[in-house]
Amino acid sequence: MNVRFQRTVIKSAAGGFTLVEAMLGVGVLALFVLACFSGIVFNRVASMKAKEEAIAMDFLVHYCEMIKALPFSNVANGQPINPLFNGVNGAPSVTIPASSTAVSLNTTNFETFHPDLIWLHNRNPQLQVTLTTVSVSGAPHDKQLNVKLTWDPPLGRGGRQQTQLDLLRTKDL
């Protein structure tokens, strides 16, 4: 006796996915969306860092250009960087710091001198200027300035951001 069993697959007109397939698809979609949002957040932080670094570098260039325009004898600690910024008659007082300790840039004097610093206001920007005089035959010949700006990182994560500029001022002949 040969009995044959025949298996018949019935397909309905309303086909669909099983629960396992649907959950797997939702999981893959969730990973993709999470990766996209992570990329967006990373891009925003990187963009903010680049913007802040550009503002800091622009400030340093502006600050050093003012010092380069000074007569050689006026490049000294505690001196204004320009006669316009000497603090007299309501003018902002922007000076070469009296020592090489860091000074805060969250003052109206510095923000008037360079208005873009307002974008760094909540990042606690600090300026540190180290002035070294090189003498030749007992007379000052060169003045080396290392101007460094530091500020807190975006999202408060990581070390302080910094950028610096070096300036060599040689005595006028």
N, C-alpha and C. Protein backbone atom coordinates (compact mmCIF):
# COMPACT_ATOMS: atom_id res chain seq x y z
N MET A 1 0.81 -1.14 0.00
CA MET A 1 0.00 0.00 0.00
C MET A 1 0.88 1.24 0.00
N ASN A 2 0.77 1.87 -1.03
CA ASN A 2 1.49 3.12 -1.17
C ASN A 2 0.54 4.29 -0.96
N VAL A 3 0.87 4.98 0.07
CA VAL A 3 0.06 6.17 0.36
C VAL A 3 0.94 7.38 0.14
N ARG A 4 0.48 8.26 -0.59
CA ARG A 4 1.24 9.50 -0.83
C ARG A 4 0.57 10.63 -0.10
N PHE A 5 1.44 11.32 0.58
CA PHE A 5 0.94 12.53 1.27
C PHE A 5 1.39 13.74 0.46
N GLN A 6 0.54 14.57 0.27
CA GLN A 6 0.86 15.77 -0.49
C GLN A 6 0.65 16.99 0.43
N ARG A 7 1.66 17.80 0.44
CA ARG A 7 1.59 19.00 1.29
C ARG A 7 1.18 20.16 0.40
N THR A 8 0.22 20.85 0.84
CA THR A 8 -0.28 21.97 0.07
C THR A 8 -0.05 23.25 0.85
N VAL A 9 0.57 24.23 0.23
CA VAL A 9 0.79 25.53 0.86
C VAL A 9 -0.28 26.46 0.35
N ILE A 10 -1.00 27.00 1.31
CA ILE A 10 -2.07 27.90 0.94
C ILE A 10 -1.57 29.33 1.13
N LYS A 11 -1.57 30.10 0.10
CA LYS A 11 -1.16 31.50 0.19
C LYS A 11 -2.40 32.36 0.12
N SER A 12 -2.43 33.26 1.09
CA SER A 12 -3.59 34.14 1.08
C SER A 12 -3.26 35.37 0.23
N ALA A 13 -4.26 36.07 -0.13
CA ALA A 13 -4.08 37.26 -0.95
C ALA A 13 -3.49 38.40 -0.11
N ALA A 14 -3.67 38.36 1.20
CA ALA A 14 -3.15 39.41 2.08
C ALA A 14 -1.87 38.90 2.73
N GLY A 15 -0.74 38.92 1.99
CA GLY A 15 0.54 38.45 2.51
C GLY A 15 1.11 39.47 3.49
N GLY A 16 2.06 39.06 4.32
CA GLY A 16 2.65 39.98 5.30
C GLY A 16 3.94 39.41 5.83
N PHE A 17 4.43 40.06 6.88
CA PHE A 17 5.66 39.64 7.51
C PHE A 17 5.35 39.01 8.85
N THR A 18 6.21 38.14 9.25
CA THR A 18 6.04 37.55 10.57
C THR A 18 6.52 38.56 11.62
N LEU A 19 6.20 38.29 12.86
CA LEU A 19 6.58 39.19 13.95
C LEU A 19 8.10 39.27 14.06
N VAL A 20 8.80 38.19 13.88
CA VAL A 20 10.26 38.18 13.96
C VAL A 20 10.85 39.05 12.86
N GLU A 21 10.34 38.93 11.66
CA GLU A 21 10.84 39.75 10.55
C GLU A 21 10.58 41.23 10.79
N ALA A 22 9.43 41.55 11.31
CA ALA A 22 9.10 42.96 11.58
C ALA A 22 10.00 43.53 12.67
N MET A 23 10.22 42.77 13.73
CA MET A 23 11.08 43.25 14.83
C MET A 23 12.53 43.41 14.36
N LEU A 24 12.98 42.51 13.52
CA LEU A 24 14.33 42.62 12.97
C LEU A 24 14.45 43.87 12.08
N GLY A 25 13.47 44.15 11.29
CA GLY A 25 13.47 45.35 10.45
C GLY A 25 13.44 46.62 11.28
N VAL A 26 12.64 46.63 12.34
CA VAL A 26 12.59 47.81 13.23
C VAL A 26 13.93 48.00 13.93
N GLY A 27 14.59 46.93 14.33
CA GLY A 27 15.90 47.02 14.98
C GLY A 27 16.96 47.61 14.06
N VAL A 28 16.98 47.15 12.80
CA VAL A 28 17.94 47.68 11.82
C VAL A 28 17.65 49.16 11.56
N LEU A 29 16.39 49.52 11.44
CA LEU A 29 16.02 50.92 11.22
C LEU A 29 16.43 51.78 12.41
N ALA A 30 16.24 51.27 13.63
CA ALA A 30 16.62 52.02 14.84
C ALA A 30 18.13 52.25 14.88
N LEU A 31 18.92 51.24 14.52
CA LEU A 31 20.38 51.41 14.47
C LEU A 31 20.77 52.47 13.44
N PHE A 32 20.12 52.45 12.31
CA PHE A 32 20.41 53.44 11.27
C PHE A 32 20.07 54.86 11.74
N VAL A 33 18.92 55.03 12.37
CA VAL A 33 18.52 56.35 12.87
C VAL A 33 19.47 56.82 13.97
N LEU A 34 19.87 55.91 14.85
CA LEU A 34 20.81 56.25 15.92
C LEU A 34 22.16 56.69 15.34
N ALA A 35 22.64 56.00 14.33
CA ALA A 35 23.90 56.38 13.68
C ALA A 35 23.79 57.75 13.02
N CYS A 36 22.66 58.04 12.40
CA CYS A 36 22.45 59.35 11.77
C CYS A 36 22.46 60.46 12.81
N PHE A 37 21.75 60.27 13.93
CA PHE A 37 21.73 61.29 14.98
C PHE A 37 23.09 61.47 15.62
N SER A 38 23.83 60.40 15.79
CA SER A 38 25.19 60.51 16.33
C SER A 38 26.07 61.32 15.39
N GLY A 39 25.93 61.10 14.10
CA GLY A 39 26.69 61.88 13.13
C GLY A 39 26.31 63.36 13.16
N ILE A 40 25.05 63.65 13.34
CA ILE A 40 24.60 65.04 13.41
C ILE A 40 25.17 65.72 14.65
N VAL A 41 25.12 65.05 15.79
CA VAL A 41 25.66 65.63 17.03
C VAL A 41 27.17 65.84 16.90
N PHE A 42 27.88 64.86 16.37
CA PHE A 42 29.32 64.99 16.18
C PHE A 42 29.64 66.17 15.27
N ASN A 43 28.88 66.32 14.19
CA ASN A 43 29.11 67.41 13.25
C ASN A 43 28.86 68.76 13.92
N ARG A 44 27.84 68.86 14.76
CA ARG A 44 27.56 70.13 15.44
C ARG A 44 28.69 70.49 16.40
N VAL A 45 29.20 69.51 17.15
CA VAL A 45 30.30 69.78 18.08
C VAL A 45 31.57 70.17 17.32
N ALA A 46 31.87 69.45 16.25
CA ALA A 46 33.06 69.78 15.45
C ALA A 46 32.93 71.16 14.82
N SER A 47 31.74 71.50 14.37
CA SER A 47 31.51 72.82 13.78
C SER A 47 31.68 73.92 14.83
N MET A 48 31.18 73.69 16.04
CA MET A 48 31.31 74.66 17.11
C MET A 48 32.78 74.85 17.49
N LYS A 49 33.52 73.74 17.56
CA LYS A 49 34.95 73.84 17.86
C LYS A 49 35.69 74.65 16.80
N ALA A 50 35.38 74.40 15.54
CA ALA A 50 36.03 75.12 14.45
C ALA A 50 35.68 76.61 14.49
N LYS A 51 34.43 76.91 14.79
CA LYS A 51 34.01 78.32 14.88
C LYS A 51 34.73 79.02 16.02
N GLU A 52 34.81 78.37 17.17
CA GLU A 52 35.49 78.96 18.32
C GLU A 52 36.97 79.13 18.06
N GLU A 53 37.59 78.17 17.40
CA GLU A 53 39.02 78.30 17.09
C GLU A 53 39.26 79.43 16.10
N ALA A 54 38.37 79.61 15.14
CA ALA A 54 38.51 80.72 14.19
C ALA A 54 38.36 82.06 14.90
N ILE A 55 37.43 82.17 15.84
CA ILE A 55 37.26 83.41 16.61
C ILE A 55 38.51 83.68 17.43
N ALA A 56 39.04 82.64 18.08
CA ALA A 56 40.24 82.80 18.90
C ALA A 56 41.44 83.23 18.06
N MET A 57 41.61 82.61 16.91
CA MET A 57 42.73 82.95 16.05
C MET A 57 42.58 84.37 15.51
N ASP A 58 41.36 84.76 15.16
CA ASP A 58 41.13 86.12 14.68
C ASP A 58 41.45 87.14 15.77
N PHE A 59 41.08 86.84 17.02
CA PHE A 59 41.43 87.73 18.14
C PHE A 59 42.94 87.83 18.29
N LEU A 60 43.63 86.69 18.26
CA LEU A 60 45.08 86.70 18.44
C LEU A 60 45.78 87.50 17.34
N VAL A 61 45.33 87.36 16.11
CA VAL A 61 45.93 88.10 15.00
C VAL A 61 45.68 89.60 15.20
N HIS A 62 44.47 89.97 15.58
CA HIS A 62 44.13 91.37 15.82
C HIS A 62 44.99 91.93 16.96
N TYR A 63 45.11 91.19 18.04
CA TYR A 63 45.89 91.60 19.21
C TYR A 63 47.38 91.77 18.84
N CYS A 64 47.93 90.79 18.13
CA CYS A 64 49.35 90.85 17.75
C CYS A 64 49.63 91.93 16.71
N GLU A 65 48.70 92.18 15.81
CA GLU A 65 48.89 93.24 14.83
C GLU A 65 48.99 94.60 15.53
N MET A 66 48.21 94.78 16.58
CA MET A 66 48.28 96.04 17.33
C MET A 66 49.65 96.17 18.02
N ILE A 67 50.15 95.06 18.53
CA ILE A 67 51.47 95.10 19.19
C ILE A 67 52.57 95.34 18.17
N LYS A 68 52.45 94.75 16.98
CA LYS A 68 53.46 94.95 15.94
C LYS A 68 53.54 96.41 15.52
N ALA A 69 52.42 97.13 15.60
CA ALA A 69 52.40 98.53 15.18
C ALA A 69 53.00 99.48 16.23
N LEU A 70 53.24 98.98 17.44
CA LEU A 70 53.81 99.82 18.50
C LEU A 70 55.28 100.11 18.25
N PRO A 71 55.76 101.25 18.73
CA PRO A 71 57.21 101.46 18.73
C PRO A 71 57.88 100.40 19.62
N PHE A 72 59.10 100.04 19.31
CA PHE A 72 59.80 98.97 20.01
C PHE A 72 59.84 99.21 21.52
N SER A 73 60.06 100.44 21.93
CA SER A 73 60.18 100.74 23.37
C SER A 73 58.85 100.60 24.11
N ASN A 74 57.72 100.65 23.41
CA ASN A 74 56.40 100.53 24.05
C ASN A 74 55.94 99.08 24.18
N VAL A 75 56.66 98.15 23.62
CA VAL A 75 56.29 96.74 23.76
C VAL A 75 56.84 96.27 25.10
N ALA A 76 55.99 96.38 26.12
CA ALA A 76 56.40 96.03 27.48
C ALA A 76 55.18 95.61 28.28
N ASN A 77 55.41 94.83 29.31
CA ASN A 77 54.32 94.39 30.18
C ASN A 77 53.63 95.60 30.80
N GLY A 78 52.28 95.55 30.82
CA GLY A 78 51.50 96.61 31.42
C GLY A 78 51.21 97.78 30.49
N GLN A 79 51.78 97.80 29.30
CA GLN A 79 51.56 98.88 28.34
C GLN A 79 50.35 98.59 27.46
N PRO A 80 49.62 99.64 27.04
CA PRO A 80 48.49 99.41 26.12
C PRO A 80 49.00 98.93 24.76
N ILE A 81 48.15 98.16 24.08
CA ILE A 81 48.56 97.63 22.78
C ILE A 81 48.41 98.65 21.67
N ASN A 82 47.76 99.77 21.96
CA ASN A 82 47.55 100.82 20.98
C ASN A 82 47.09 102.06 21.74
N PRO A 83 47.46 103.25 21.30
CA PRO A 83 47.00 104.46 21.99
C PRO A 83 45.47 104.58 22.03
N LEU A 84 44.77 103.96 21.11
CA LEU A 84 43.30 104.00 21.13
C LEU A 84 42.73 103.15 22.26
N PHE A 85 43.48 102.18 22.74
CA PHE A 85 42.99 101.26 23.78
C PHE A 85 43.77 101.45 25.08
N ASN A 86 43.98 102.72 25.48
CA ASN A 86 44.77 103.01 26.68
C ASN A 86 43.92 103.24 27.92
N GLY A 87 42.60 103.18 27.82
CA GLY A 87 41.73 103.34 28.97
C GLY A 87 41.47 104.77 29.37
N VAL A 88 41.90 105.75 28.60
CA VAL A 88 41.72 107.16 28.93
C VAL A 88 40.44 107.67 28.27
N ASN A 89 39.70 108.52 29.00
CA ASN A 89 38.47 109.16 28.50
C ASN A 89 37.44 108.15 28.01
N GLY A 90 37.26 107.06 28.74
CA GLY A 90 36.23 106.07 28.40
C GLY A 90 36.64 105.05 27.36
N ALA A 91 37.86 105.14 26.86
CA ALA A 91 38.33 104.16 25.88
C ALA A 91 38.59 102.83 26.59
N PRO A 92 38.41 101.72 25.90
CA PRO A 92 38.72 100.43 26.54
C PRO A 92 40.21 100.31 26.86
N SER A 93 40.50 99.64 27.94
CA SER A 93 41.88 99.43 28.36
C SER A 93 42.31 98.02 27.99
N VAL A 94 43.07 97.90 26.90
CA VAL A 94 43.58 96.61 26.45
C VAL A 94 45.10 96.71 26.48
N THR A 95 45.70 95.97 27.39
CA THR A 95 47.13 96.08 27.60
C THR A 95 47.81 94.73 27.42
N ILE A 96 49.14 94.78 27.35
CA ILE A 96 49.93 93.56 27.46
C ILE A 96 49.94 93.25 28.96
N PRO A 97 49.50 92.06 29.37
CA PRO A 97 49.39 91.79 30.81
C PRO A 97 50.70 92.04 31.55
N ALA A 98 50.57 92.46 32.82
CA ALA A 98 51.74 92.81 33.62
C ALA A 98 52.62 91.61 33.92
N SER A 99 52.07 90.41 33.92
CA SER A 99 52.86 89.20 34.15
C SER A 99 52.39 88.13 33.17
N SER A 100 53.05 86.99 33.21
CA SER A 100 52.69 85.92 32.27
C SER A 100 51.56 85.04 32.79
N THR A 101 50.85 85.48 33.82
CA THR A 101 49.69 84.73 34.29
C THR A 101 48.50 85.01 33.37
N ALA A 102 47.60 84.07 33.31
CA ALA A 102 46.45 84.20 32.42
C ALA A 102 45.47 85.24 32.96
N VAL A 103 44.90 86.03 32.05
CA VAL A 103 43.87 87.02 32.39
C VAL A 103 42.59 86.67 31.65
N SER A 104 41.47 86.96 32.27
CA SER A 104 40.18 86.65 31.68
C SER A 104 39.86 87.62 30.56
N LEU A 105 39.25 87.12 29.51
CA LEU A 105 38.81 87.96 28.40
C LEU A 105 37.33 88.30 28.51
N ASN A 106 36.68 87.87 29.60
CA ASN A 106 35.27 88.16 29.82
C ASN A 106 35.10 89.54 30.44
N THR A 107 35.67 90.55 29.80
CA THR A 107 35.53 91.92 30.27
C THR A 107 35.01 92.77 29.12
N THR A 108 34.39 93.88 29.46
CA THR A 108 33.90 94.77 28.41
C THR A 108 35.04 95.38 27.61
N ASN A 109 36.20 95.54 28.25
CA ASN A 109 37.35 96.09 27.51
C ASN A 109 37.74 95.20 26.34
N PHE A 110 37.91 93.91 26.59
CA PHE A 110 38.32 92.99 25.52
C PHE A 110 37.18 92.77 24.52
N GLU A 111 35.93 92.71 25.02
CA GLU A 111 34.80 92.49 24.11
C GLU A 111 34.52 93.72 23.26
N THR A 112 34.91 94.91 23.71
CA THR A 112 34.81 96.11 22.88
C THR A 112 35.92 96.11 21.85
N PHE A 113 37.11 95.70 22.26
CA PHE A 113 38.25 95.61 21.34
C PHE A 113 37.98 94.61 20.23
N HIS A 114 37.44 93.46 20.58
CA HIS A 114 37.17 92.41 19.60
C HIS A 114 35.77 91.83 19.89
N PRO A 115 34.72 92.36 19.26
CA PRO A 115 33.33 91.98 19.58
C PRO A 115 33.01 90.49 19.41
N ASP A 116 33.73 89.78 18.55
CA ASP A 116 33.44 88.35 18.36
C ASP A 116 33.70 87.53 19.63
N LEU A 117 34.43 88.08 20.59
CA LEU A 117 34.69 87.35 21.84
C LEU A 117 33.42 87.05 22.60
N ILE A 118 32.34 87.74 22.28
CA ILE A 118 31.07 87.48 22.95
C ILE A 118 30.62 86.03 22.72
N TRP A 119 31.02 85.44 21.60
CA TRP A 119 30.67 84.05 21.30
C TRP A 119 31.40 83.07 22.22
N LEU A 120 32.53 83.50 22.80
CA LEU A 120 33.29 82.65 23.72
C LEU A 120 33.00 82.99 25.18
N HIS A 121 32.09 83.92 25.43
CA HIS A 121 31.87 84.44 26.78
C HIS A 121 31.58 83.33 27.80
N ASN A 122 30.74 82.39 27.44
CA ASN A 122 30.39 81.31 28.39
C ASN A 122 31.42 80.18 28.43
N ARG A 123 32.51 80.31 27.71
CA ARG A 123 33.57 79.29 27.68
C ARG A 123 34.78 79.69 28.53
N ASN A 124 34.70 80.79 29.26
CA ASN A 124 35.78 81.25 30.15
C ASN A 124 37.11 81.41 29.40
N PRO A 125 37.15 82.29 28.38
CA PRO A 125 38.41 82.48 27.64
C PRO A 125 39.44 83.22 28.48
N GLN A 126 40.69 82.78 28.34
CA GLN A 126 41.79 83.41 29.08
C GLN A 126 42.96 83.65 28.14
N LEU A 127 43.61 84.79 28.36
CA LEU A 127 44.75 85.19 27.55
C LEU A 127 46.01 85.13 28.40
N GLN A 128 47.04 84.52 27.85
CA GLN A 128 48.34 84.47 28.53
C GLN A 128 49.40 84.97 27.56
N VAL A 129 50.14 86.00 28.00
CA VAL A 129 51.18 86.59 27.15
C VAL A 129 52.51 86.46 27.88
N THR A 130 53.47 85.83 27.23
CA THR A 130 54.82 85.72 27.77
C THR A 130 55.73 86.59 26.92
N LEU A 131 56.35 87.58 27.56
CA LEU A 131 57.23 88.52 26.87
C LEU A 131 58.66 88.28 27.31
N THR A 132 59.54 88.03 26.35
CA THR A 132 60.95 87.79 26.62
C THR A 132 61.77 88.79 25.82
N THR A 133 62.70 89.46 26.49
CA THR A 133 63.56 90.44 25.82
C THR A 133 64.94 89.83 25.64
N VAL A 134 65.47 89.93 24.43
CA VAL A 134 66.81 89.44 24.10
C VAL A 134 67.71 90.67 23.93
N SER A 135 68.80 90.68 24.68
CA SER A 135 69.73 91.81 24.61
C SER A 135 70.98 91.43 23.82
N VAL A 136 71.49 92.40 23.10
CA VAL A 136 72.75 92.25 22.37
C VAL A 136 73.65 93.38 22.84
N SER A 137 74.81 93.03 23.36
CA SER A 137 75.77 94.01 23.91
C SER A 137 75.13 94.88 24.99
N GLY A 138 74.26 94.27 25.79
CA GLY A 138 73.64 94.98 26.89
C GLY A 138 72.44 95.83 26.53
N ALA A 139 72.08 95.92 25.27
CA ALA A 139 70.93 96.73 24.84
C ALA A 139 69.84 95.81 24.30
N PRO A 140 68.56 96.10 24.62
CA PRO A 140 67.47 95.27 24.08
C PRO A 140 67.48 95.28 22.56
N HIS A 141 67.42 94.09 21.97
CA HIS A 141 67.46 93.96 20.51
C HIS A 141 66.19 93.32 19.96
N ASP A 142 65.72 92.26 20.62
CA ASP A 142 64.52 91.54 20.19
C ASP A 142 63.56 91.39 21.36
N LYS A 143 62.26 91.36 21.05
CA LYS A 143 61.23 91.04 22.04
C LYS A 143 60.39 89.92 21.44
N GLN A 144 60.36 88.81 22.17
CA GLN A 144 59.61 87.65 21.72
C GLN A 144 58.33 87.56 22.55
N LEU A 145 57.21 87.45 21.88
CA LEU A 145 55.92 87.31 22.55
C LEU A 145 55.31 85.98 22.18
N ASN A 146 54.86 85.26 23.19
CA ASN A 146 54.06 84.06 22.98
C ASN A 146 52.69 84.41 23.52
N VAL A 147 51.70 84.48 22.64
CA VAL A 147 50.35 84.87 23.01
C VAL A 147 49.47 83.63 22.88
N LYS A 148 48.89 83.19 24.01
CA LYS A 148 48.09 81.96 24.02
C LYS A 148 46.70 82.27 24.55
N LEU A 149 45.71 81.72 23.87
CA LEU A 149 44.30 81.87 24.27
C LEU A 149 43.75 80.49 24.56
N THR A 150 43.16 80.32 25.74
CA THR A 150 42.55 79.04 26.11
C THR A 150 41.08 79.26 26.46
N TRP A 151 40.26 78.24 26.26
CA TRP A 151 38.84 78.32 26.58
C TRP A 151 38.31 76.91 26.82
N ASP A 152 37.17 76.85 27.52
CA ASP A 152 36.55 75.56 27.85
C ASP A 152 35.99 74.91 26.58
N PRO A 153 36.01 73.57 26.52
CA PRO A 153 35.52 72.89 25.32
C PRO A 153 34.00 72.87 25.27
N PRO A 154 33.43 72.66 24.07
CA PRO A 154 31.99 72.50 23.97
C PRO A 154 31.53 71.27 24.76
N LEU A 155 30.38 71.35 25.32
CA LEU A 155 29.77 70.29 26.14
C LEU A 155 30.55 70.01 27.41
N GLY A 156 31.59 70.79 27.69
CA GLY A 156 32.37 70.62 28.92
C GLY A 156 33.16 69.32 28.98
N ARG A 157 33.40 68.70 27.85
CA ARG A 157 34.12 67.43 27.84
C ARG A 157 35.50 67.62 27.26
N GLY A 158 36.49 67.00 27.89
CA GLY A 158 37.86 67.09 27.39
C GLY A 158 38.61 68.25 28.01
N GLY A 159 39.84 68.42 27.59
CA GLY A 159 40.69 69.48 28.12
C GLY A 159 40.35 70.83 27.51
N ARG A 160 40.94 71.87 28.07
CA ARG A 160 40.72 73.22 27.54
C ARG A 160 41.27 73.32 26.13
N GLN A 161 40.54 74.01 25.27
CA GLN A 161 40.98 74.26 23.91
C GLN A 161 42.00 75.39 23.96
N GLN A 162 42.93 75.40 23.04
CA GLN A 162 43.92 76.48 23.02
C GLN A 162 44.44 76.72 21.62
N THR A 163 44.82 77.95 21.41
CA THR A 163 45.52 78.34 20.19
C THR A 163 46.52 79.41 20.59
N GLN A 164 47.63 79.47 19.88
CA GLN A 164 48.66 80.42 20.26
C GLN A 164 49.33 81.00 19.02
N LEU A 165 49.94 82.16 19.24
CA LEU A 165 50.64 82.86 18.19
C LEU A 165 51.95 83.37 18.77
N ASP A 166 53.02 83.23 18.02
CA ASP A 166 54.32 83.74 18.43
C ASP A 166 54.65 84.96 17.58
N LEU A 167 55.25 85.95 18.24
CA LEU A 167 55.60 87.20 17.58
C LEU A 167 57.02 87.57 17.97
N LEU A 168 57.82 87.92 16.99
CA LEU A 168 59.18 88.39 17.22
C LEU A 168 59.25 89.83 16.75
N ARG A 169 59.54 90.73 17.68
CA ARG A 169 59.64 92.16 17.38
C ARG A 169 61.09 92.55 17.52
N THR A 170 61.69 93.03 16.44
CA THR A 170 63.10 93.43 16.43
C THR A 170 63.19 94.95 16.50
N LYS A 171 64.21 95.42 17.19
CA LYS A 171 64.39 96.88 17.39
C LYS A 171 64.49 97.58 16.04
N ASP A 172 63.79 98.70 15.95
CA ASP A 172 63.83 99.52 14.74
C ASP A 172 65.21 100.13 14.57
N LEU A 173 65.67 100.22 13.37
CA LEU A 173 66.97 100.85 13.12
C LEU A 173 66.84 102.32 12.86
